[in-house]
Protein backbone atom coordinates (compact mmCIF):
# COMPACT_ATOMS: atom_id res chain seq x y z
CA MET A 1 0.13 -270.06 110.61
CA GLY A 2 2.33 -272.00 108.24
CA TRP A 3 2.27 -271.56 104.47
CA GLN A 4 -0.65 -271.19 102.07
CA LEU A 5 -1.24 -272.33 98.52
CA ALA A 6 -2.12 -269.86 95.80
CA ASP A 7 -3.27 -270.47 92.27
CA LYS A 8 -0.58 -270.59 89.62
CA GLN A 9 0.32 -267.11 88.53
CA GLN A 10 1.69 -265.92 85.23
CA GLY A 11 4.27 -263.17 85.45
CA GLU A 12 4.83 -260.93 88.45
CA ARG A 13 1.23 -259.91 89.12
CA MET A 14 -1.14 -262.13 91.08
CA GLN A 15 -4.68 -262.03 89.74
CA ASP A 16 -7.32 -260.34 91.92
CA ASP A 17 -9.28 -263.52 92.63
CA ALA A 18 -6.09 -265.42 93.52
CA LEU A 19 -5.02 -262.70 95.98
CA THR A 20 -8.51 -262.62 97.50
CA ASN A 21 -8.47 -266.41 97.86
CA LEU A 22 -5.02 -266.35 99.48
CA LEU A 23 -6.08 -263.71 102.01
CA GLU A 24 -9.31 -265.60 102.80
CA LYS A 25 -7.45 -268.89 103.35
CA SER A 26 -4.87 -267.20 105.56
CA LEU A 27 -7.57 -265.60 107.70
CA LYS A 28 -9.43 -268.93 108.05
CA THR A 29 -6.22 -270.62 109.19
CA TYR A 30 -5.63 -267.88 111.75
CA LEU A 31 -9.21 -268.05 113.07
CA ARG A 32 -8.93 -271.82 113.58
CA SER A 33 -5.81 -271.36 115.71
CA SER A 34 -7.15 -268.36 117.67
CA ASP A 35 -10.58 -269.73 118.64
CA GLY A 36 -12.29 -267.39 116.18
CA VAL A 37 -10.72 -264.16 117.48
CA LEU A 38 -9.89 -261.79 114.61
CA PRO A 39 -6.32 -260.50 114.30
CA ARG A 40 -5.79 -256.82 115.08
CA ARG A 41 -3.80 -256.30 111.88
CA ILE A 42 -2.40 -258.32 109.01
CA THR A 43 0.88 -257.40 107.34
CA LEU A 44 1.35 -258.63 103.79
CA HIS A 45 5.02 -258.98 102.79
CA ARG A 46 5.44 -258.81 99.02
CA ASP A 47 8.64 -260.32 97.63
CA GLY A 48 9.51 -257.56 95.15
CA LYS A 49 7.20 -254.88 93.82
CA PHE A 50 3.50 -255.01 94.63
CA TYR A 51 1.79 -255.10 91.23
CA GLU A 52 -1.50 -256.35 92.63
CA SER A 53 -4.65 -254.28 93.14
CA ILE A 54 -4.94 -252.19 96.31
CA ASP A 55 -8.73 -252.40 95.80
CA VAL A 56 -8.56 -256.11 96.69
CA ILE A 57 -6.87 -255.18 99.98
CA LYS A 58 -9.50 -252.52 100.74
CA GLN A 59 -12.38 -254.90 99.96
CA PHE A 60 -10.89 -257.53 102.28
CA GLU A 61 -10.55 -254.94 105.07
CA GLN A 62 -14.18 -253.86 104.71
CA LYS A 63 -15.51 -257.40 104.56
CA HIS A 64 -13.68 -258.65 107.66
CA SER A 65 -13.09 -255.43 109.65
CA VAL A 66 -9.37 -256.21 109.79
CA LYS A 67 -6.75 -253.62 108.86
CA LEU A 68 -3.97 -254.59 106.45
CA ASP A 69 -0.50 -253.26 105.75
CA VAL A 70 1.34 -254.00 102.51
CA LEU A 71 5.15 -253.90 102.55
CA GLU A 72 7.39 -254.46 99.55
CA ILE A 73 10.65 -256.24 100.40
CA LEU A 74 13.09 -255.48 97.60
CA LYS A 75 16.32 -257.46 97.36
CA SER A 76 17.88 -255.23 94.71
CA GLY A 77 18.08 -251.49 94.15
CA ALA A 78 19.34 -250.65 97.63
CA PRO A 79 22.46 -248.48 97.96
CA VAL A 80 25.33 -249.70 100.10
CA LEU A 81 25.14 -248.76 103.78
CA TYR A 82 28.24 -248.10 105.85
CA ARG A 83 29.24 -246.66 109.21
CA ARG A 84 31.72 -243.83 109.53
CA GLU A 85 33.71 -243.49 112.72
CA GLN A 86 36.27 -240.91 113.73
CA LEU A 87 39.40 -242.36 115.29
CA ALA A 88 41.45 -240.75 118.09
CA ASP A 89 43.94 -239.34 115.59
CA GLY A 90 41.15 -237.57 113.70
CA SER A 91 41.12 -239.94 110.74
CA LYS A 92 37.92 -241.56 109.56
CA LYS A 93 37.20 -245.26 109.46
CA PHE A 94 34.46 -246.82 107.31
CA CYS A 95 32.92 -250.20 108.08
CA ASN A 96 29.84 -252.32 107.42
CA PRO A 97 26.60 -251.42 109.22
CA ASN A 98 25.38 -253.20 112.30
CA VAL A 99 22.22 -255.27 112.43
CA GLY A 100 19.23 -252.92 112.31
CA ASP A 101 21.06 -249.91 110.87
CA ALA A 102 18.68 -248.09 108.56
CA LEU A 103 18.50 -245.11 106.26
CA TYR A 104 15.14 -243.43 105.69
CA LEU A 105 14.52 -242.37 102.11
CA SER A 106 11.05 -241.08 103.04
CA ASP A 107 8.34 -241.88 105.58
CA ARG A 108 7.33 -244.78 103.29
CA GLU A 109 10.71 -246.14 102.18
CA MET A 110 13.96 -247.15 103.86
CA ILE A 111 17.15 -249.16 103.47
CA LEU A 112 17.63 -251.75 106.24
CA SER A 113 20.59 -253.94 107.19
CA THR A 114 19.38 -257.30 108.55
CA TYR A 115 22.84 -258.74 109.21
CA SER A 116 26.33 -257.41 109.93
CA GLY A 117 29.85 -257.89 108.65
CA ALA A 118 30.79 -259.59 111.92
CA GLU A 119 28.39 -262.42 111.05
CA LEU A 120 30.37 -263.11 107.89
CA GLY A 121 33.47 -263.93 109.94
CA GLN A 122 36.91 -262.40 110.21
CA SER A 123 38.04 -263.51 106.75
CA TRP A 124 35.05 -261.90 104.95
CA GLY A 125 33.39 -259.44 107.30
CA ASP A 126 35.54 -256.42 106.48
CA LYS A 127 36.25 -257.30 102.84
CA VAL A 128 32.74 -257.32 101.36
CA SER A 129 29.83 -254.91 101.59
CA ILE A 130 26.63 -255.90 103.34
CA ARG A 131 23.64 -256.16 101.01
CA PRO A 132 20.76 -254.34 102.73
CA LEU A 133 17.09 -254.59 101.86
CA ARG A 134 14.93 -251.84 100.45
CA LEU A 135 11.56 -251.66 102.23
CA ARG A 136 8.67 -249.73 100.73
CA LYS A 137 5.30 -249.32 102.45
CA ARG A 138 2.57 -249.45 99.85
CA TYR A 139 -0.53 -249.43 102.02
CA GLY A 140 -1.65 -249.26 105.63
CA GLU A 141 -1.50 -247.18 108.77
CA THR A 142 1.35 -248.90 110.63
CA SER A 143 4.53 -246.83 110.69
CA LEU A 144 7.44 -247.86 108.51
CA GLU A 145 9.61 -248.14 111.63
CA VAL A 146 7.34 -250.80 113.14
CA LEU A 147 7.13 -252.69 109.83
CA ALA A 148 10.94 -252.60 109.54
CA GLN A 149 11.32 -253.91 113.10
CA GLN A 150 9.05 -256.82 112.18
CA VAL A 151 11.16 -257.60 109.10
CA LEU A 152 14.31 -257.52 111.22
CA ILE A 153 12.86 -259.85 113.84
CA LEU A 154 11.55 -262.25 111.18
CA SER A 155 15.01 -262.45 109.63
CA ARG A 156 16.76 -262.95 113.00
CA ILE A 157 14.50 -265.78 114.18
CA HIS A 158 14.73 -267.65 110.88
CA GLY A 159 16.91 -270.70 111.48
CA ALA A 160 17.89 -271.38 107.88
CA SER A 161 21.61 -271.00 108.50
CA LEU A 162 23.97 -272.34 111.14
CA TYR A 163 26.53 -269.62 110.47
CA ARG A 164 24.58 -266.39 110.21
CA HIS A 165 21.04 -265.11 110.02
CA PRO A 166 19.50 -264.91 106.55
CA ARG A 167 19.26 -261.57 104.82
CA LEU A 168 15.51 -261.99 104.17
CA PRO A 169 12.67 -262.48 106.64
CA VAL A 170 11.17 -265.96 106.85
CA THR A 171 8.02 -264.68 105.14
CA THR A 172 9.81 -264.14 101.81
CA HIS A 173 13.04 -266.16 102.15
CA HIS A 174 12.00 -268.99 99.81
CA ALA A 175 9.34 -267.15 97.80
CA ASP A 176 11.06 -267.46 94.41
CA ARG A 177 11.82 -271.16 94.77
CA PHE A 178 8.38 -271.96 96.17
CA ALA A 179 6.69 -270.13 93.28
CA THR A 180 8.76 -272.16 90.82
CA LEU A 181 7.85 -275.38 92.62
CA ARG A 182 4.18 -274.37 92.55
CA GLN A 183 4.37 -274.02 88.76
CA GLU A 184 5.87 -277.49 88.37
CA THR A 185 4.18 -279.55 91.09
CA CYS A 186 0.80 -281.17 91.49
CA ILE A 187 -1.46 -279.14 93.79
CA ASP A 188 -2.68 -282.34 95.50
CA ALA A 189 0.88 -283.27 96.50
CA LEU A 190 1.52 -279.83 97.99
CA SER A 191 -1.84 -279.80 99.80
CA LYS A 192 -0.83 -282.91 101.79
CA MET A 193 2.24 -281.20 103.27
CA ASP A 194 2.01 -280.13 106.90
CA ARG A 195 1.38 -276.38 106.84
CA LEU A 196 2.90 -275.91 110.28
CA CYS A 197 6.28 -277.26 109.13
CA PRO A 198 8.76 -274.80 107.66
CA VAL A 199 9.31 -275.30 103.94
CA TYR A 200 12.98 -275.46 102.95
CA LEU A 201 13.49 -275.91 99.21
């Protein structure tokens, strides 16, 4: 689908009309590329905590007969994950998690590792701790496991690095920088950019 423009926002919370407008524009873009066939579901990835109104999501669902899921992708506040192995001599060895290792905190919240120590190389891989993501399902019927698999896939297919896969999925990878650019840049200049091109800032 590419990226979408939203109205300038003040603070962390997006205003109700801005969120509605963003969802409407995204759906229109999808319908143009799918010959008018509605999507089965839409997953909204929120970079950080979802301060917006769930009522806006429910109204959009009712209006378009499309189900939505809302997933918070939190970069901080996640405990360190590690693997514990028992060696032949009975001693224990601790190491970084593998890609996709997860710890469920509840049926709506988990800690997920989207990369591994091996991807950091021999000089760093066993000397630093992997920084996992904290995923929190705020709304929707899709299971947290499926939503986490989507996040993992969207981080693995993101070609932002030649050396290892990014920690974040492509949907939120540049969210902070793009929001800053949106505050400082003319809307007309941004509207002329090709929405099917990835935006690297």
